[in-house]
Amino acid sequence: MSAPTTYLIGLYNGLYDVPYNVLENHNWLGRAAEPGGPVKKAQVWKSFVPVVVNLLLGIPAVVPIFLTWYFLSNGPLAELGWTQRNPNEDDGMLLWLIFVVPAVGCFGAIWALTNLRIRRKLFAEGPPSMYWSVSVVLVLAPYFLGLGFA
């Protein structure tokens, strides 16, 4: 199979390691790969995927983040005296746990599984702590951006 065919099949199937390893040192004509060629463009593309995915996941993350803050500010933090309870909140905290736990659990599972797949496919090398810390900041960004404009 020729190198351009391998390249196209790899792009189509999502097997990015095969075509980019072929193109890492030489292009399909056998000459040295030019700077800014397919390998460089693939690396730039790979770095935008987690940014876009985590920012998009941050939009629905507003709901579980708000529910968590509401529960903490009316429950444990109010007991410590760090916040004031909502005077209209008379249903108790157990009712809020019924809403908070499934919302946070479902979103956390979706977020973690999505990022595990992206990290395994695109960023197998490198320190995982940097990837996960940037992912957390990006998923929290829409919530804090909304607070800033509210």
C-alpha atoms as a PDB file:
ATOM      1  CA  MET A   1       0.000   0.000   0.000  1.00  0.00           C
ATOM      2  CA  SER A   2       1.408   3.403  -0.928  1.00  0.00           C
ATOM      3  CA  ALA A   3       2.078   6.108   1.623  1.00  0.00           C
ATOM      4  CA  PRO A   4      -0.707   8.511   0.445  1.00  0.00           C
ATOM      5  CA  THR A   5      -3.248   5.679   0.684  1.00  0.00           C
ATOM      6  CA  THR A   6      -2.025   4.800   4.180  1.00  0.00           C
ATOM      7  CA  TYR A   7      -2.264   8.473   5.110  1.00  0.00           C
ATOM      8  CA  LEU A   8      -5.870   8.799   3.906  1.00  0.00           C
ATOM      9  CA  ILE A   9      -6.978   5.514   5.449  1.00  0.00           C
ATOM     10  CA  GLY A  10      -5.348   6.510   8.732  1.00  0.00           C
ATOM     11  CA  LEU A  11      -7.119   9.860   8.738  1.00  0.00           C
ATOM     12  CA  TYR A  12     -10.422   8.231   7.933  1.00  0.00           C
ATOM     13  CA  ASN A  13     -10.158   5.536  10.594  1.00  0.00           C
ATOM     14  CA  GLY A  14      -8.701   7.784  13.271  1.00  0.00           C
ATOM     15  CA  LEU A  15      -5.460   5.803  13.435  1.00  0.00           C
ATOM     16  CA  TYR A  16      -3.266   8.875  13.645  1.00  0.00           C
ATOM     17  CA  ASP A  17      -0.137   7.077  14.816  1.00  0.00           C
ATOM     18  CA  VAL A  18       0.395   5.075  11.618  1.00  0.00           C
ATOM     19  CA  PRO A  19       0.363   7.885   9.023  1.00  0.00           C
ATOM     20  CA  TYR A  20       2.202  10.429  11.169  1.00  0.00           C
ATOM     21  CA  ASN A  21       4.966   7.974  12.017  1.00  0.00           C
ATOM     22  CA  VAL A  22       5.361   7.394   8.282  1.00  0.00           C
ATOM     23  CA  LEU A  23       5.485  11.151   7.671  1.00  0.00           C
ATOM     24  CA  GLU A  24       7.613  12.008  10.682  1.00  0.00           C
ATOM     25  CA  ASN A  25      10.983  11.952   8.908  1.00  0.00           C
ATOM     26  CA  HIS A  26      10.087  11.601   5.236  1.00  0.00           C
ATOM     27  CA  ASN A  27       7.179  12.555   3.094  1.00  0.00           C
ATOM     28  CA  TRP A  28       5.624  10.110   0.652  1.00  0.00           C
ATOM     29  CA  LEU A  29       8.134  10.973  -2.096  1.00  0.00           C
ATOM     30  CA  GLY A  30      11.054  10.007   0.138  1.00  0.00           C
ATOM     31  CA  ARG A  31      12.355  13.539   0.723  1.00  0.00           C
ATOM     32  CA  ALA A  32      12.762  15.008   4.191  1.00  0.00           C
ATOM     33  CA  ALA A  33       9.509  16.419   5.534  1.00  0.00           C
ATOM     34  CA  GLU A  34       9.190  20.181   5.252  1.00  0.00           C
ATOM     35  CA  PRO A  35       8.555  22.270   8.363  1.00  0.00           C
ATOM     36  CA  GLY A  36       4.870  23.051   8.630  1.00  0.00           C
ATOM     37  CA  GLY A  37       3.982  19.983   6.587  1.00  0.00           C
ATOM     38  CA  PRO A  38       1.396  17.357   7.540  1.00  0.00           C
ATOM     39  CA  VAL A  39       3.175  16.381  10.763  1.00  0.00           C
ATOM     40  CA  LYS A  40       3.250  19.943  12.119  1.00  0.00           C
ATOM     41  CA  LYS A  41      -0.370  20.560  11.127  1.00  0.00           C
ATOM     42  CA  ALA A  42      -1.427  17.327  12.841  1.00  0.00           C
ATOM     43  CA  GLN A  43       0.270  18.376  16.078  1.00  0.00           C
ATOM     44  CA  VAL A  44      -1.491  21.750  16.037  1.00  0.00           C
ATOM     45  CA  TRP A  45      -4.825  20.054  15.326  1.00  0.00           C
ATOM     46  CA  LYS A  46      -4.281  17.563  18.138  1.00  0.00           C
ATOM     47  CA  SER A  47      -3.744  20.346  20.666  1.00  0.00           C
ATOM     48  CA  PHE A  48      -7.068  22.063  19.848  1.00  0.00           C
ATOM     49  CA  VAL A  49      -9.232  18.961  20.326  1.00  0.00           C
ATOM     50  CA  PRO A  50      -9.195  18.882  24.166  1.00  0.00           C
ATOM     51  CA  VAL A  51      -9.598  22.662  24.355  1.00  0.00           C
ATOM     52  CA  VAL A  52     -12.731  22.676  22.220  1.00  0.00           C
ATOM     53  CA  VAL A  53     -14.202  19.531  23.803  1.00  0.00           C
ATOM     54  CA  ASN A  54     -13.698  20.757  27.380  1.00  0.00           C
ATOM     55  CA  LEU A  55     -15.058  24.219  26.623  1.00  0.00           C
ATOM     56  CA  LEU A  56     -18.139  22.648  25.037  1.00  0.00           C
ATOM     57  CA  LEU A  57     -18.539  20.295  28.010  1.00  0.00           C
ATOM     58  CA  GLY A  58     -18.270  23.343  30.273  1.00  0.00           C
ATOM     59  CA  ILE A  59     -21.596  24.663  29.001  1.00  0.00           C
ATOM     60  CA  PRO A  60     -23.736  21.848  30.456  1.00  0.00           C
ATOM     61  CA  ALA A  61     -21.357  21.719  33.451  1.00  0.00           C
ATOM     62  CA  VAL A  62     -22.898  24.966  34.657  1.00  0.00           C
ATOM     63  CA  VAL A  63     -25.874  23.025  36.070  1.00  0.00           C
ATOM     64  CA  PRO A  64     -23.975  20.537  38.301  1.00  0.00           C
ATOM     65  CA  ILE A  65     -21.512  23.220  39.415  1.00  0.00           C
ATOM     66  CA  PHE A  66     -24.368  25.524  40.440  1.00  0.00           C
ATOM     67  CA  LEU A  67     -26.219  22.707  42.223  1.00  0.00           C
ATOM     68  CA  THR A  68     -23.049  21.800  44.119  1.00  0.00           C
ATOM     69  CA  TRP A  69     -22.440  25.401  45.152  1.00  0.00           C
ATOM     70  CA  TYR A  70     -26.064  25.841  46.233  1.00  0.00           C
ATOM     71  CA  PHE A  71     -25.962  22.695  48.335  1.00  0.00           C
ATOM     72  CA  LEU A  72     -22.626  23.628  49.945  1.00  0.00           C
ATOM     73  CA  SER A  73     -23.594  27.243  50.627  1.00  0.00           C
ATOM     74  CA  ASN A  74     -26.902  26.294  52.302  1.00  0.00           C
ATOM     75  CA  GLY A  75     -25.596  23.231  54.104  1.00  0.00           C
ATOM     76  CA  PRO A  76     -22.061  22.636  55.380  1.00  0.00           C
ATOM     77  CA  LEU A  77     -20.664  26.112  54.705  1.00  0.00           C
ATOM     78  CA  ALA A  78     -23.634  27.759  56.441  1.00  0.00           C
ATOM     79  CA  GLU A  79     -23.114  25.485  59.455  1.00  0.00           C
ATOM     80  CA  LEU A  80     -19.505  26.674  59.643  1.00  0.00           C
ATOM     81  CA  GLY A  81     -20.665  30.300  59.436  1.00  0.00           C
ATOM     82  CA  TRP A  82     -18.890  30.978  56.136  1.00  0.00           C
ATOM     83  CA  THR A  83     -22.112  31.676  54.197  1.00  0.00           C
ATOM     84  CA  GLN A  84     -25.699  32.601  55.036  1.00  0.00           C
ATOM     85  CA  ARG A  85     -28.569  30.223  54.405  1.00  0.00           C
ATOM     86  CA  ASN A  86     -31.254  31.099  51.927  1.00  0.00           C
ATOM     87  CA  PRO A  87     -34.195  32.061  54.186  1.00  0.00           C
ATOM     88  CA  ASN A  88     -36.665  30.508  51.717  1.00  0.00           C
ATOM     89  CA  GLU A  89     -34.925  27.124  51.831  1.00  0.00           C
ATOM     90  CA  ASP A  90     -37.052  25.074  54.206  1.00  0.00           C
ATOM     91  CA  ASP A  91     -37.144  21.673  52.471  1.00  0.00           C
ATOM     92  CA  GLY A  92     -33.948  20.388  54.022  1.00  0.00           C
ATOM     93  CA  MET A  93     -30.734  19.276  52.436  1.00  0.00           C
ATOM     94  CA  LEU A  94     -31.705  15.667  51.688  1.00  0.00           C
ATOM     95  CA  LEU A  95     -33.936  16.827  48.846  1.00  0.00           C
ATOM     96  CA  TRP A  96     -30.998  18.704  47.322  1.00  0.00           C
ATOM     97  CA  LEU A  97     -28.795  15.634  47.560  1.00  0.00           C
ATOM     98  CA  ILE A  98     -31.339  13.772  45.453  1.00  0.00           C
ATOM     99  CA  PHE A  99     -30.728  16.297  42.673  1.00  0.00           C
ATOM    100  CA  VAL A 100     -27.024  17.012  43.169  1.00  0.00           C
ATOM    101  CA  VAL A 101     -25.603  13.483  43.310  1.00  0.00           C
ATOM    102  CA  PRO A 102     -27.091  12.216  39.998  1.00  0.00           C
ATOM    103  CA  ALA A 103     -26.329  15.471  38.160  1.00  0.00           C
ATOM    104  CA  VAL A 104     -22.709  15.591  39.316  1.00  0.00           C
ATOM    105  CA  GLY A 105     -22.253  11.837  38.875  1.00  0.00           C
ATOM    106  CA  CYS A 106     -23.609  11.748  35.318  1.00  0.00           C
ATOM    107  CA  PHE A 107     -21.675  14.793  34.211  1.00  0.00           C
ATOM    108  CA  GLY A 108     -18.496  13.613  35.944  1.00  0.00           C
ATOM    109  CA  ALA A 109     -18.706  10.231  34.229  1.00  0.00           C
ATOM    110  CA  ILE A 110     -19.242  11.791  30.799  1.00  0.00           C
ATOM    111  CA  TRP A 111     -16.415  14.274  31.331  1.00  0.00           C
ATOM    112  CA  ALA A 112     -13.947  11.704  32.669  1.00  0.00           C
ATOM    113  CA  LEU A 113     -14.643   9.100  29.983  1.00  0.00           C
ATOM    114  CA  THR A 114     -14.405  11.693  27.217  1.00  0.00           C
ATOM    115  CA  ASN A 115     -11.103  13.036  28.502  1.00  0.00           C
ATOM    116  CA  LEU A 116      -9.685   9.561  29.099  1.00  0.00           C
ATOM    117  CA  ARG A 117     -10.381   8.699  25.476  1.00  0.00           C
ATOM    118  CA  ILE A 118      -8.914  11.947  24.149  1.00  0.00           C
ATOM    119  CA  ARG A 119      -5.805  11.601  26.301  1.00  0.00           C
ATOM    120  CA  ARG A 120      -5.281   7.969  25.300  1.00  0.00           C
ATOM    121  CA  LYS A 121      -5.762   8.651  21.560  1.00  0.00           C
ATOM    122  CA  LEU A 122      -3.945  11.969  21.171  1.00  0.00           C
ATOM    123  CA  PHE A 123      -1.671  12.554  24.166  1.00  0.00           C
ATOM    124  CA  ALA A 124      -0.299   9.215  25.316  1.00  0.00           C
ATOM    125  CA  GLU A 125       3.101  10.731  26.065  1.00  0.00           C
ATOM    126  CA  GLY A 126       3.728  13.553  28.480  1.00  0.00           C
ATOM    127  CA  PRO A 127       2.732  14.180  32.078  1.00  0.00           C
ATOM    128  CA  PRO A 128      -0.942  13.457  32.788  1.00  0.00           C
ATOM    129  CA  SER A 129      -1.148  16.088  35.519  1.00  0.00           C
ATOM    130  CA  MET A 130      -0.788  18.936  33.009  1.00  0.00           C
ATOM    131  CA  TYR A 131      -3.514  17.526  30.754  1.00  0.00           C
ATOM    132  CA  TRP A 132      -5.987  16.992  33.597  1.00  0.00           C
ATOM    133  CA  SER A 133      -5.360  20.364  35.249  1.00  0.00           C
ATOM    134  CA  VAL A 134      -5.899  22.209  31.957  1.00  0.00           C
ATOM    135  CA  SER A 135      -9.041  20.133  31.325  1.00  0.00           C
ATOM    136  CA  VAL A 136     -10.488  21.068  34.719  1.00  0.00           C
ATOM    137  CA  VAL A 137      -9.765  24.767  34.174  1.00  0.00           C
ATOM    138  CA  LEU A 138     -11.342  24.673  30.705  1.00  0.00           C
ATOM    139  CA  VAL A 139     -14.500  22.927  31.901  1.00  0.00           C
ATOM    140  CA  LEU A 140     -14.904  25.461  34.732  1.00  0.00           C
ATOM    141  CA  ALA A 141     -14.270  28.464  32.448  1.00  0.00           C
ATOM    142  CA  PRO A 142     -17.867  28.876  31.140  1.00  0.00           C
ATOM    143  CA  TYR A 143     -19.257  28.850  34.689  1.00  0.00           C
ATOM    144  CA  PHE A 144     -16.865  31.535  35.938  1.00  0.00           C
ATOM    145  CA  LEU A 145     -17.288  33.493  32.710  1.00  0.00           C
ATOM    146  CA  GLY A 146     -21.050  33.456  33.342  1.00  0.00           C
ATOM    147  CA  LEU A 147     -20.484  34.644  36.920  1.00  0.00           C
ATOM    148  CA  GLY A 148     -18.356  37.474  35.625  1.00  0.00           C
ATOM    149  CA  PHE A 149     -21.041  38.704  33.260  1.00  0.00           C
ATOM    150  CA  ALA A 150     -23.966  38.166  35.640  1.00  0.00           C
END
